[in-house]
PDB file of N, CA and C in Angstrom:
ATOM      1  N   UNK A   1      40.492-126.019 159.989  1.00  0.00           N
ATOM      2  CA  UNK A   1      39.159-125.562 160.415  1.00  0.00           C
ATOM      3  C   UNK A   1      39.320-124.142 160.954  1.00  0.00           C
ATOM      4  N   UNK A   2      38.432-123.280 160.507  1.00  0.00           N
ATOM      5  CA  UNK A   2      38.772-121.903 160.838  1.00  0.00           C
ATOM      6  C   UNK A   2      37.663-120.922 161.068  1.00  0.00           C
ATOM      7  N   UNK A   3      36.417-121.184 160.993  1.00  0.00           N
ATOM      8  CA  UNK A   3      35.450-120.160 161.106  1.00  0.00           C
ATOM      9  C   UNK A   3      34.947-120.091 162.645  1.00  0.00           C
ATOM     10  N   UNK A   4      35.738-119.351 163.312  1.00  0.00           N
ATOM     11  CA  UNK A   4      35.427-119.041 164.779  1.00  0.00           C
ATOM     12  C   UNK A   4      34.879-117.739 164.928  1.00  0.00           C
ATOM     13  N   UNK A   5      33.709-117.596 165.506  1.00  0.00           N
ATOM     14  CA  UNK A   5      33.041-116.331 165.805  1.00  0.00           C
ATOM     15  C   UNK A   5      34.042-115.483 166.618  1.00  0.00           C
ATOM     16  N   UNK A   6      34.630-114.485 166.085  1.00  0.00           N
ATOM     17  CA  UNK A   6      35.699-113.673 166.818  1.00  0.00           C
ATOM     18  C   UNK A   6      35.267-113.013 168.018  1.00  0.00           C
ATOM     19  N   UNK A   7      34.083-112.655 168.127  1.00  0.00           N
ATOM     20  CA  UNK A   7      33.557-112.039 169.351  1.00  0.00           C
ATOM     21  C   UNK A   7      33.437-112.931 170.499  1.00  0.00           C
ATOM     22  N   UNK A   8      32.918-114.202 170.230  1.00  0.00           N
ATOM     23  CA  UNK A   8      32.728-115.101 171.341  1.00  0.00           C
ATOM     24  C   UNK A   8      33.688-116.326 171.272  1.00  0.00           C
ATOM     25  N   UNK A   9      34.525-116.488 170.176  1.00  0.00           N
ATOM     26  CA  UNK A   9      35.420-117.546 170.016  1.00  0.00           C
ATOM     27  C   UNK A   9      34.735-118.867 170.232  1.00  0.00           C
ATOM     28  N   UNK A  10      33.682-119.101 169.448  1.00  0.00           N
ATOM     29  CA  UNK A  10      32.818-120.313 169.560  1.00  0.00           C
ATOM     30  C   UNK A  10      32.733-120.889 168.114  1.00  0.00           C
ATOM     31  N   UNK A  11      32.613-122.140 168.050  1.00  0.00           N
ATOM     32  CA  UNK A  11      32.348-122.804 166.725  1.00  0.00           C
ATOM     33  C   UNK A  11      31.599-124.131 166.967  1.00  0.00           C
ATOM     34  N   UNK A  12      30.999-124.647 165.943  1.00  0.00           N
ATOM     35  CA  UNK A  12      30.247-125.930 165.945  1.00  0.00           C
ATOM     36  C   UNK A  12      30.793-126.845 164.934  1.00  0.00           C
ATOM     37  N   UNK A  13      30.859-128.104 165.331  1.00  0.00           N
ATOM     38  CA  UNK A  13      31.275-129.193 164.420  1.00  0.00           C
ATOM     39  C   UNK A  13      30.199-130.314 164.495  1.00  0.00           C
ATOM     40  N   UNK A  14      29.985-130.961 163.363  1.00  0.00           N
ATOM     41  CA  UNK A  14      29.162-132.141 163.233  1.00  0.00           C
ATOM     42  C   UNK A  14      30.148-133.248 163.263  1.00  0.00           C
ATOM     43  N   UNK A  15      29.971-134.236 164.153  1.00  0.00           N
ATOM     44  CA  UNK A  15      30.808-135.397 164.231  1.00  0.00           C
ATOM     45  C   UNK A  15      30.040-136.671 163.885  1.00  0.00           C
ATOM     46  N   UNK A  16      30.788-137.564 163.187  1.00  0.00           N
ATOM     47  CA  UNK A  16      30.128-138.811 162.789  1.00  0.00           C
ATOM     48  C   UNK A  16      31.259-139.879 162.734  1.00  0.00           C
ATOM     49  N   UNK A  17      30.792-141.054 162.622  1.00  0.00           N
ATOM     50  CA  UNK A  17      31.731-142.210 162.468  1.00  0.00           C
ATOM     51  C   UNK A  17      31.052-143.250 161.652  1.00  0.00           C
ATOM     52  N   UNK A  18      31.893-144.027 160.970  1.00  0.00           N
ATOM     53  CA  UNK A  18      31.272-145.112 160.137  1.00  0.00           C
ATOM     54  C   UNK A  18      32.307-146.168 160.016  1.00  0.00           C
ATOM     55  N   UNK A  19      31.856-147.499 159.897  1.00  0.00           N
ATOM     56  CA  UNK A  19      32.804-148.562 159.713  1.00  0.00           C
ATOM     57  C   UNK A  19      33.173-148.637 158.215  1.00  0.00           C
ATOM     58  N   UNK A  20      34.322-149.131 157.982  1.00  0.00           N
ATOM     59  CA  UNK A  20      34.881-149.258 156.652  1.00  0.00           C
ATOM     60  C   UNK A  20      35.562-150.653 156.493  1.00  0.00           C
ATOM     61  N   UNK A  21      35.845-150.946 155.245  1.00  0.00           N
ATOM     62  CA  UNK A  21      36.609-152.191 154.949  1.00  0.00           C
ATOM     63  C   UNK A  21      37.975-151.749 154.363  1.00  0.00           C
ATOM     64  N   UNK A  22      39.034-152.525 154.842  1.00  0.00           N
ATOM     65  CA  UNK A  22      40.291-152.336 154.247  1.00  0.00           C
ATOM     66  C   UNK A  22      40.528-153.370 153.177  1.00  0.00           C
ATOM     67  N   UNK A  23      40.720-152.845 151.909  1.00  0.00           N
ATOM     68  CA  UNK A  23      40.822-153.745 150.759  1.00  0.00           C
ATOM     69  C   UNK A  23      42.156-153.539 150.059  1.00  0.00           C
ATOM     70  N   UNK A  24      42.573-154.681 149.486  1.00  0.00           N
ATOM     71  CA  UNK A  24      43.845-154.685 148.633  1.00  0.00           C
ATOM     72  C   UNK A  24      43.539-155.307 147.319  1.00  0.00           C
ATOM     73  N   UNK A  25      44.284-154.812 146.341  1.00  0.00           N
ATOM     74  CA  UNK A  25      44.099-155.352 144.978  1.00  0.00           C
ATOM     75  C   UNK A  25      44.766-156.699 144.888  1.00  0.00           C
ATOM     76  N   UNK A  26      44.238-157.580 144.098  1.00  0.00           N
ATOM     77  CA  UNK A  26      44.892-158.883 143.924  1.00  0.00           C
ATOM     78  C   UNK A  26      45.718-158.892 142.639  1.00  0.00           C
ATOM     79  N   UNK A  27      45.469-157.941 141.681  1.00  0.00           N
ATOM     80  CA  UNK A  27      46.253-157.819 140.503  1.00  0.00           C
ATOM     81  C   UNK A  27      46.624-156.372 140.315  1.00  0.00           C
ATOM     82  N   UNK A  28      47.851-156.135 139.784  1.00  0.00           N
ATOM     83  CA  UNK A  28      48.199-154.779 139.560  1.00  0.00           C
ATOM     84  C   UNK A  28      47.324-154.132 138.492  1.00  0.00           C
ATOM     85  N   UNK A  29      46.926-152.872 138.752  1.00  0.00           N
ATOM     86  CA  UNK A  29      46.101-152.187 137.695  1.00  0.00           C
ATOM     87  C   UNK A  29      46.981-151.806 136.478  1.00  0.00           C
ATOM     88  N   UNK A  30      46.351-151.678 135.385  1.00  0.00           N
ATOM     89  CA  UNK A  30      46.954-151.218 134.095  1.00  0.00           C
ATOM     90  C   UNK A  30      46.744-149.747 133.926  1.00  0.00           C
ATOM     91  N   UNK A  31      47.920-149.044 133.810  1.00  0.00           N
ATOM     92  CA  UNK A  31      47.812-147.651 133.612  1.00  0.00           C
ATOM     93  C   UNK A  31      47.133-147.211 132.342  1.00  0.00           C
ATOM     94  N   UNK A  32      46.663-146.034 132.307  1.00  0.00           N
ATOM     95  CA  UNK A  32      46.008-145.474 131.077  1.00  0.00           C
ATOM     96  C   UNK A  32      47.139-145.316 130.013  1.00  0.00           C
ATOM     97  N   UNK A  33      46.764-145.461 128.814  1.00  0.00           N
ATOM     98  CA  UNK A  33      47.572-145.114 127.655  1.00  0.00           C
ATOM     99  C   UNK A  33      46.770-144.346 126.715  1.00  0.00           C
ATOM    100  N   UNK A  34      47.459-143.938 125.652  1.00  0.00           N
ATOM    101  CA  UNK A  34      46.813-143.150 124.660  1.00  0.00           C
ATOM    102  C   UNK A  34      45.595-143.863 124.030  1.00  0.00           C
ATOM    103  N   UNK A  35      44.451-143.312 124.204  1.00  0.00           N
ATOM    104  CA  UNK A  35      43.262-143.927 123.632  1.00  0.00           C
ATOM    105  C   UNK A  35      42.662-145.036 124.451  1.00  0.00           C
ATOM    106  N   UNK A  36      43.252-145.327 125.645  1.00  0.00           N
ATOM    107  CA  UNK A  36      42.720-146.497 126.507  1.00  0.00           C
ATOM    108  C   UNK A  36      42.708-145.988 128.025  1.00  0.00           C
ATOM    109  N   UNK A  37      41.610-146.127 128.658  1.00  0.00           N
ATOM    110  CA  UNK A  37      41.465-145.731 130.037  1.00  0.00           C
ATOM    111  C   UNK A  37      42.230-146.761 130.962  1.00  0.00           C
ATOM    112  N   UNK A  38      42.551-146.250 132.122  1.00  0.00           N
ATOM    113  CA  UNK A  38      43.116-147.159 133.097  1.00  0.00           C
ATOM    114  C   UNK A  38      42.257-148.436 133.353  1.00  0.00           C
ATOM    115  N   UNK A  39      42.828-149.513 133.704  1.00  0.00           N
ATOM    116  CA  UNK A  39      41.981-150.682 133.929  1.00  0.00           C
ATOM    117  C   UNK A  39      42.363-151.286 135.304  1.00  0.00           C
ATOM    118  N   UNK A  40      41.304-151.629 136.025  1.00  0.00           N
ATOM    119  CA  UNK A  40      41.434-152.128 137.309  1.00  0.00           C
ATOM    120  C   UNK A  40      40.514-153.342 137.528  1.00  0.00           C
ATOM    121  N   UNK A  41      41.061-154.518 138.098  1.00  0.00           N
ATOM    122  CA  UNK A  41      40.273-155.638 138.256  1.00  0.00           C
ATOM    123  C   UNK A  41      39.281-155.428 139.382  1.00  0.00           C
ATOM    124  N   UNK A  42      38.052-156.018 139.253  1.00  0.00           N
ATOM    125  CA  UNK A  42      37.088-155.907 140.282  1.00  0.00           C
ATOM    126  C   UNK A  42      37.334-156.832 141.509  1.00  0.00           C
ATOM    127  N   UNK A  43      38.249-157.877 141.424  1.00  0.00           N
ATOM    128  CA  UNK A  43      38.605-158.724 142.386  1.00  0.00           C
ATOM    129  C   UNK A  43      39.450-158.028 143.467  1.00  0.00           C
ATOM    130  N   UNK A  44      39.180-158.279 144.690  1.00  0.00           N
ATOM    131  CA  UNK A  44      39.956-157.691 145.797  1.00  0.00           C
ATOM    132  C   UNK A  44      40.188-158.631 146.967  1.00  0.00           C
ATOM    133  N   UNK A  45      41.108-158.276 147.817  1.00  0.00           N
ATOM    134  CA  UNK A  45      41.360-159.105 149.014  1.00  0.00           C
ATOM    135  C   UNK A  45      40.888-158.265 150.198  1.00  0.00           C
ATOM    136  N   UNK A  46      40.051-158.849 151.079  1.00  0.00           N
ATOM    137  CA  UNK A  46      39.572-158.226 152.236  1.00  0.00           C
ATOM    138  C   UNK A  46      40.671-158.312 153.331  1.00  0.00           C
ATOM    139  N   UNK A  47      41.058-157.142 153.840  1.00  0.00           N
ATOM    140  CA  UNK A  47      42.233-157.039 154.807  1.00  0.00           C
ATOM    141  C   UNK A  47      41.827-156.617 156.192  1.00  0.00           C
ATOM    142  N   UNK A  48      40.479-156.746 156.535  1.00  0.00           N
ATOM    143  CA  UNK A  48      40.058-156.262 157.800  1.00  0.00           C
ATOM    144  C   UNK A  48      39.091-155.115 157.758  1.00  0.00           C
ATOM    145  N   UNK A  49      38.776-154.556 158.881  1.00  0.00           N
ATOM    146  CA  UNK A  49      37.816-153.452 158.952  1.00  0.00           C
ATOM    147  C   UNK A  49      38.533-152.231 159.714  1.00  0.00           C
ATOM    148  N   UNK A  50      37.880-151.136 159.605  1.00  0.00           N
ATOM    149  CA  UNK A  50      38.398-149.868 160.230  1.00  0.00           C
ATOM    150  C   UNK A  50      37.250-149.063 160.598  1.00  0.00           C
ATOM    151  N   UNK A  51      37.469-147.980 161.279  1.00  0.00           N
ATOM    152  CA  UNK A  51      36.536-147.006 161.614  1.00  0.00           C
ATOM    153  C   UNK A  51      37.011-145.648 161.134  1.00  0.00           C
ATOM    154  N   UNK A  52      36.032-144.858 160.540  1.00  0.00           N
ATOM    155  CA  UNK A  52      36.355-143.609 160.064  1.00  0.00           C
ATOM    156  C   UNK A  52      35.605-142.521 160.928  1.00  0.00           C
ATOM    157  N   UNK A  53      36.405-141.657 161.726  1.00  0.00           N
ATOM    158  CA  UNK A  53      35.770-140.590 162.436  1.00  0.00           C
ATOM    159  C   UNK A  53      35.835-139.333 161.533  1.00  0.00           C
ATOM    160  N   UNK A  54      34.775-138.523 161.510  1.00  0.00           N
ATOM    161  CA  UNK A  54      34.845-137.278 160.734  1.00  0.00           C
ATOM    162  C   UNK A  54      34.132-136.152 161.533  1.00  0.00           C
ATOM    163  N   UNK A  55      34.773-135.042 161.486  1.00  0.00           N
ATOM    164  CA  UNK A  55      34.221-133.850 162.030  1.00  0.00           C
ATOM    165  C   UNK A  55      34.105-132.773 160.907  1.00  0.00           C
ATOM    166  N   UNK A  56      32.989-132.141 160.759  1.00  0.00           N
ATOM    167  CA  UNK A  56      32.857-131.164 159.649  1.00  0.00           C
ATOM    168  C   UNK A  56      32.276-129.894 160.182  1.00  0.00           C
ATOM    169  N   UNK A  57      32.790-128.828 159.675  1.00  0.00           N
ATOM    170  CA  UNK A  57      32.152-127.502 160.035  1.00  0.00           C
ATOM    171  C   UNK A  57      31.607-126.950 158.749  1.00  0.00           C
ATOM    172  N   UNK A  58      30.270-127.191 158.568  1.00  0.00           N
ATOM    173  CA  UNK A  58      29.617-126.765 157.293  1.00  0.00           C
ATOM    174  C   UNK A  58      29.879-125.266 156.861  1.00  0.00           C
ATOM    175  N   UNK A  59      29.675-124.327 157.777  1.00  0.00           N
ATOM    176  CA  UNK A  59      29.842-122.918 157.331  1.00  0.00           C
ATOM    177  C   UNK A  59      31.295-122.619 156.674  1.00  0.00           C
ATOM    178  N   UNK A  60      32.245-123.358 157.152  1.00  0.00           N
ATOM    179  CA  UNK A  60      33.624-123.078 156.721  1.00  0.00           C
ATOM    180  C   UNK A  60      33.937-124.072 155.524  1.00  0.00           C
ATOM    181  N   UNK A  61      33.186-125.074 155.332  1.00  0.00           N
ATOM    182  CA  UNK A  61      33.501-126.078 154.320  1.00  0.00           C
ATOM    183  C   UNK A  61      34.760-126.905 154.727  1.00  0.00           C
ATOM    184  N   UNK A  62      34.992-126.986 156.079  1.00  0.00           N
ATOM    185  CA  UNK A  62      36.120-127.718 156.578  1.00  0.00           C
ATOM    186  C   UNK A  62      35.780-129.071 157.174  1.00  0.00           C
ATOM    187  N   UNK A  63      36.734-129.931 157.162  1.00  0.00           N
ATOM    188  CA  UNK A  63      36.548-131.264 157.754  1.00  0.00           C
ATOM    189  C   UNK A  63      37.857-131.813 158.259  1.00  0.00           C
ATOM    190  N   UNK A  64      37.629-132.694 159.230  1.00  0.00           N
ATOM    191  CA  UNK A  64      38.825-133.408 159.812  1.00  0.00           C
ATOM    192  C   UNK A  64      38.401-134.837 159.934  1.00  0.00           C
ATOM    193  N   UNK A  65      39.289-135.699 159.404  1.00  0.00           N
ATOM    194  CA  UNK A  65      38.964-137.145 159.351  1.00  0.00           C
ATOM    195  C   UNK A  65      40.176-137.971 159.987  1.00  0.00           C
ATOM    196  N   UNK A  66      39.787-139.052 160.588  1.00  0.00           N
ATOM    197  CA  UNK A  66      40.781-139.920 161.217  1.00  0.00           C
ATOM    198  C   UNK A  66      40.318-141.332 161.096  1.00  0.00           C
ATOM    199  N   UNK A  67      41.222-142.274 160.587  1.00  0.00           N
ATOM    200  CA  UNK A  67      40.871-143.674 160.405  1.00  0.00           C
ATOM    201  C   UNK A  67      41.567-144.436 161.598  1.00  0.00           C
ATOM    202  N   UNK A  68      40.751-145.210 162.258  1.00  0.00           N
ATOM    203  CA  UNK A  68      41.299-146.036 163.329  1.00  0.00           C
ATOM    204  C   UNK A  68      40.939-147.472 163.148  1.00  0.00           C
ATOM    205  N   UNK A  69      41.562-148.344 163.843  1.00  0.00           N
ATOM    206  CA  UNK A  69      41.227-149.778 163.723  1.00  0.00           C
ATOM    207  C   UNK A  69      39.919-150.174 164.354  1.00  0.00           C
ATOM    208  N   UNK A  70      39.467-149.372 165.386  1.00  0.00           N
ATOM    209  CA  UNK A  70      38.177-149.670 166.101  1.00  0.00           C
ATOM    210  C   UNK A  70      37.670-148.371 166.600  1.00  0.00           C
ATOM    211  N   UNK A  71      36.525-148.483 167.349  1.00  0.00           N
ATOM    212  CA  UNK A  71      35.931-147.172 167.798  1.00  0.00           C
ATOM    213  C   UNK A  71      35.682-147.226 169.339  1.00  0.00           C
ATOM    214  N   UNK A  72      36.537-147.691 170.081  1.00  0.00           N
ATOM    215  CA  UNK A  72      36.380-147.638 171.578  1.00  0.00           C
ATOM    216  C   UNK A  72      36.505-146.233 172.113  1.00  0.00           C
ATOM    217  N   UNK A  73      36.206-146.121 173.376  1.00  0.00           N
ATOM    218  CA  UNK A  73      36.152-144.816 174.021  1.00  0.00           C
ATOM    219  C   UNK A  73      37.538-144.089 173.818  1.00  0.00           C
ATOM    220  N   UNK A  74      38.606-144.778 173.958  1.00  0.00           N
ATOM    221  CA  UNK A  74      39.930-144.134 173.745  1.00  0.00           C
ATOM    222  C   UNK A  74      40.080-143.549 172.398  1.00  0.00           C
ATOM    223  N   UNK A  75      39.690-144.216 171.410  1.00  0.00           N
ATOM    224  CA  UNK A  75      39.887-143.710 170.017  1.00  0.00           C
ATOM    225  C   UNK A  75      39.001-142.468 169.843  1.00  0.00           C
ATOM    226  N   UNK A  76      37.718-142.524 170.359  1.00  0.00           N
ATOM    227  CA  UNK A  76      36.844-141.353 170.244  1.00  0.00           C
ATOM    228  C   UNK A  76      37.390-140.279 171.048  1.00  0.00           C
ATOM    229  N   UNK A  77      37.973-140.387 172.212  1.00  0.00           N
ATOM    230  CA  UNK A  77      38.535-139.404 173.062  1.00  0.00           C
ATOM    231  C   UNK A  77      39.719-138.672 172.339  1.00  0.00           C
ATOM    232  N   UNK A  78      40.555-139.505 171.697  1.00  0.00           N
ATOM    233  CA  UNK A  78      41.681-138.933 170.991  1.00  0.00           C
ATOM    234  C   UNK A  78      41.208-138.142 169.768  1.00  0.00           C
ATOM    235  N   UNK A  79      40.137-138.488 169.144  1.00  0.00           N
ATOM    236  CA  UNK A  79      39.523-137.731 168.016  1.00  0.00           C
ATOM    237  C   UNK A  79      39.029-136.412 168.529  1.00  0.00           C
ATOM    238  N   UNK A  80      38.415-136.432 169.692  1.00  0.00           N
ATOM    239  CA  UNK A  80      37.897-135.102 170.232  1.00  0.00           C
ATOM    240  C   UNK A  80      39.045-134.257 170.587  1.00  0.00           C
ATOM    241  N   UNK A  81      40.151-134.819 171.110  1.00  0.00           N
ATOM    242  CA  UNK A  81      41.337-134.031 171.300  1.00  0.00           C
ATOM    243  C   UNK A  81      41.925-133.412 169.975  1.00  0.00           C
ATOM    244  N   UNK A  82      41.892-134.218 168.911  1.00  0.00           N
ATOM    245  CA  UNK A  82      42.318-133.635 167.614  1.00  0.00           C
ATOM    246  C   UNK A  82      41.441-132.468 167.202  1.00  0.00           C
ATOM    247  N   UNK A  83      40.129-132.563 167.433  1.00  0.00           N
ATOM    248  CA  UNK A  83      39.221-131.479 167.043  1.00  0.00           C
ATOM    249  C   UNK A  83      39.603-130.264 167.888  1.00  0.00           C
ATOM    250  N   UNK A  84      39.817-130.426 169.173  1.00  0.00           N
ATOM    251  CA  UNK A  84      40.147-129.314 170.092  1.00  0.00           C
ATOM    252  C   UNK A  84      41.531-128.673 169.613  1.00  0.00           C
ATOM    253  N   UNK A  85      42.435-129.471 169.225  1.00  0.00           N
ATOM    254  CA  UNK A  85      43.773-128.929 168.703  1.00  0.00           C
ATOM    255  C   UNK A  85      43.554-128.186 167.399  1.00  0.00           C
ATOM    256  N   UNK A  86      42.584-128.506 166.597  1.00  0.00           N
ATOM    257  CA  UNK A  86      42.293-127.828 165.366  1.00  0.00           C
ATOM    258  C   UNK A  86      41.776-126.413 165.558  1.00  0.00           C
ATOM    259  N   UNK A  87      41.238-126.146 166.775  1.00  0.00           N
ATOM    260  CA  UNK A  87      40.669-124.838 167.111  1.00  0.00           C
ATOM    261  C   UNK A  87      41.379-124.305 168.332  1.00  0.00           C
ATOM    262  N   UNK A  88      42.646-123.949 168.310  1.00  0.00           N
ATOM    263  CA  UNK A  88      43.409-123.585 169.470  1.00  0.00           C
ATOM    264  C   UNK A  88      42.902-122.301 170.077  1.00  0.00           C
ATOM    265  N   UNK A  89      42.191-121.403 169.400  1.00  0.00           N
ATOM    266  CA  UNK A  89      41.705-120.147 169.923  1.00  0.00           C
ATOM    267  C   UNK A  89      40.277-120.178 170.293  1.00  0.00           C
ATOM    268  N   UNK A  90      39.591-121.372 170.143  1.00  0.00           N
ATOM    269  CA  UNK A  90      38.197-121.359 170.479  1.00  0.00           C
ATOM    270  C   UNK A  90      38.001-121.543 172.014  1.00  0.00           C
ATOM    271  N   UNK A  91      37.126-120.787 172.513  1.00  0.00           N
ATOM    272  CA  UNK A  91      36.709-120.799 173.910  1.00  0.00           C
ATOM    273  C   UNK A  91      35.744-121.989 174.136  1.00  0.00           C
ATOM    274  N   UNK A  92      34.873-122.223 173.141  1.00  0.00           N
ATOM    275  CA  UNK A  92      33.897-123.373 173.235  1.00  0.00           C
ATOM    276  C   UNK A  92      33.719-123.917 171.857  1.00  0.00           C
ATOM    277  N   UNK A  93      33.719-125.288 171.795  1.00  0.00           N
ATOM    278  CA  UNK A  93      33.437-126.012 170.609  1.00  0.00           C
ATOM    279  C   UNK A  93      32.176-126.803 170.794  1.00  0.00           C
ATOM    280  N   UNK A  94      31.151-126.640 170.126  1.00  0.00           N
ATOM    281  CA  UNK A  94      29.945-127.500 170.243  1.00  0.00           C
ATOM    282  C   UNK A  94      29.977-128.619 169.279  1.00  0.00           C
ATOM    283  N   UNK A  95      29.957-129.848 169.787  1.00  0.00           N
ATOM    284  CA  UNK A  95      29.955-130.989 168.938  1.00  0.00           C
ATOM    285  C   UNK A  95      28.515-131.475 168.823  1.00  0.00           C
ATOM    286  N   UNK A  96      28.063-131.761 167.543  1.00  0.00           N
ATOM    287  CA  UNK A  96      26.785-132.293 167.292  1.00  0.00           C
ATOM    288  C   UNK A  96      27.026-133.709 166.856  1.00  0.00           C
ATOM    289  N   UNK A  97      26.548-134.710 167.618  1.00  0.00           N
ATOM    290  CA  UNK A  97      26.804-136.078 167.290  1.00  0.00           C
ATOM    291  C   UNK A  97      25.690-136.980 167.893  1.00  0.00           C
ATOM    292  N   UNK A  98      25.772-138.286 167.603  1.00  0.00           N
ATOM    293  CA  UNK A  98      24.794-139.219 168.038  1.00  0.00           C
ATOM    294  C   UNK A  98      25.059-139.552 169.475  1.00  0.00           C
ATOM    295  N   UNK A  99      24.216-140.409 170.059  1.00  0.00           N
ATOM    296  CA  UNK A  99      24.364-140.675 171.506  1.00  0.00           C
ATOM    297  C   UNK A  99      24.968-142.052 171.730  1.00  0.00           C
ATOM    298  N   UNK A 100      25.929-142.432 171.078  1.00  0.00           N
ATOM    299  CA  UNK A 100      26.669-143.750 171.238  1.00  0.00           C
ATOM    300  C   UNK A 100      27.185-143.734 172.692  1.00  0.00           C
ATOM    301  N   UNK A 101      27.160-144.899 173.281  1.00  0.00           N
ATOM    302  CA  UNK A 101      27.603-145.019 174.699  1.00  0.00           C
ATOM    303  C   UNK A 101      28.983-144.624 174.893  1.00  0.00           C
ATOM    304  N   UNK A 102      29.858-144.527 173.917  1.00  0.00           N
ATOM    305  CA  UNK A 102      31.305-144.085 174.089  1.00  0.00           C
ATOM    306  C   UNK A 102      31.417-142.571 174.003  1.00  0.00           C
ATOM    307  N   UNK A 103      30.446-141.811 173.610  1.00  0.00           N
ATOM    308  CA  UNK A 103      30.506-140.371 173.460  1.00  0.00           C
ATOM    309  C   UNK A 103      30.120-139.683 174.733  1.00  0.00           C
ATOM    310  N   UNK A 104      30.956-139.861 175.772  1.00  0.00           N
ATOM    311  CA  UNK A 104      30.618-139.239 177.055  1.00  0.00           C
ATOM    312  C   UNK A 104      31.823-138.500 177.636  1.00  0.00           C
ATOM    313  N   UNK A 105      31.560-137.508 178.554  1.00  0.00           N
ATOM    314  CA  UNK A 105      32.678-136.948 179.260  1.00  0.00           C
ATOM    315  C   UNK A 105      33.579-137.908 180.055  1.00  0.00           C
ATOM    316  N   UNK A 106      32.876-138.963 180.523  1.00  0.00           N
ATOM    317  CA  UNK A 106      33.599-140.028 181.294  1.00  0.00           C
ATOM    318  C   UNK A 106      34.654-140.720 180.422  1.00  0.00           C
ATOM    319  N   UNK A 107      34.422-140.802 179.166  1.00  0.00           N
ATOM    320  CA  UNK A 107      35.409-141.426 178.205  1.00  0.00           C
ATOM    321  C   UNK A 107      36.664-140.482 178.183  1.00  0.00           C
ATOM    322  N   UNK A 108      36.451-139.216 178.232  1.00  0.00           N
ATOM    323  CA  UNK A 108      37.606-138.305 178.186  1.00  0.00           C
ATOM    324  C   UNK A 108      38.413-138.461 179.494  1.00  0.00           C
ATOM    325  N   UNK A 109      37.758-138.552 180.601  1.00  0.00           N
ATOM    326  CA  UNK A 109      38.436-138.747 181.885  1.00  0.00           C
ATOM    327  C   UNK A 109      39.074-140.071 182.101  1.00  0.00           C
ATOM    328  N   UNK A 110      38.616-141.123 181.337  1.00  0.00           N
ATOM    329  CA  UNK A 110      39.200-142.368 181.372  1.00  0.00           C
ATOM    330  C   UNK A 110      40.493-142.412 180.510  1.00  0.00           C
ATOM    331  N   UNK A 111      40.534-141.555 179.537  1.00  0.00           N
ATOM    332  CA  UNK A 111      41.659-141.495 178.603  1.00  0.00           C
ATOM    333  C   UNK A 111      42.739-140.570 179.026  1.00  0.00           C
ATOM    334  N   UNK A 112      42.385-139.359 179.483  1.00  0.00           N
ATOM    335  CA  UNK A 112      43.320-138.324 179.855  1.00  0.00           C
ATOM    336  C   UNK A 112      43.361-137.952 181.260  1.00  0.00           C
ATOM    337  N   UNK A 113      44.459-137.253 181.676  1.00  0.00           N
ATOM    338  CA  UNK A 113      44.405-136.747 183.118  1.00  0.00           C
ATOM    339  C   UNK A 113      43.250-135.687 183.201  1.00  0.00           C
ATOM    340  N   UNK A 114      42.757-135.440 184.435  1.00  0.00           N
ATOM    341  CA  UNK A 114      41.599-134.522 184.572  1.00  0.00           C
ATOM    342  C   UNK A 114      41.753-133.131 183.925  1.00  0.00           C
ATOM    343  N   UNK A 115      42.868-132.585 184.065  1.00  0.00           N
ATOM    344  CA  UNK A 115      43.097-131.206 183.529  1.00  0.00           C
ATOM    345  C   UNK A 115      43.002-131.211 181.957  1.00  0.00           C
ATOM    346  N   UNK A 116      43.515-132.232 181.326  1.00  0.00           N
ATOM    347  CA  UNK A 116      43.443-132.384 179.899  1.00  0.00           C
ATOM    348  C   UNK A 116      42.053-132.811 179.445  1.00  0.00           C
ATOM    349  N   UNK A 117      41.415-133.681 180.185  1.00  0.00           N
ATOM    350  CA  UNK A 117      40.048-134.017 179.855  1.00  0.00           C
ATOM    351  C   UNK A 117      39.067-132.829 179.891  1.00  0.00           C
ATOM    352  N   UNK A 118      39.305-132.011 180.813  1.00  0.00           N
ATOM    353  CA  UNK A 118      38.388-130.775 180.982  1.00  0.00           C
ATOM    354  C   UNK A 118      38.701-129.862 179.813  1.00  0.00           C
ATOM    355  N   UNK A 119      39.869-129.712 179.346  1.00  0.00           N
ATOM    356  CA  UNK A 119      40.182-128.831 178.171  1.00  0.00           C
ATOM    357  C   UNK A 119      39.608-129.455 176.888  1.00  0.00           C
ATOM    358  N   UNK A 120      39.597-130.776 176.775  1.00  0.00           N
ATOM    359  CA  UNK A 120      39.068-131.393 175.574  1.00  0.00           C
ATOM    360  C   UNK A 120      37.504-131.420 175.465  1.00  0.00           C
ATOM    361  N   UNK A 121      36.770-131.346 176.532  1.00  0.00           N
ATOM    362  CA  UNK A 121      35.400-131.483 176.249  1.00  0.00           C
ATOM    363  C   UNK A 121      34.401-131.255 177.359  1.00  0.00           C
ATOM    364  N   UNK A 122      34.840-130.921 178.493  1.00  0.00           N
ATOM    365  CA  UNK A 122      33.882-130.602 179.547  1.00  0.00           C
ATOM    366  C   UNK A 122      34.214-129.329 180.175  1.00  0.00           C
ATOM    367  N   UNK A 123      33.320-128.831 180.928  1.00  0.00           N
ATOM    368  CA  UNK A 123      33.661-127.496 181.601  1.00  0.00           C
ATOM    369  C   UNK A 123      32.458-126.811 181.815  1.00  0.00           C
TER     370      UNK A 123
END
């Protein structure tokens, strides 16, 4: 991620999350051959669920994604930290996201020491 306004060192990211399913194939796929496309069975084994966090910066065409087993406050806080690390020179990063109860400054303070929480999202 890279489009930081050089004069103000600010950027904006759109953050979202969505549930996902972890799937495994029950039969090995058949590779493509001359004149025949690859073949894959429609049957699958359900191996649990996951959560996908994504941050995108539309003007730069950049995105950052992270797959976690769940979406509690700690996972969200660590994703915010990943976003902050992706912009080491940014003075301010504006996150545009929904108002889920885990998306709070308190979640950052519950996960990190106060000095680190302040660097990640408050100030």
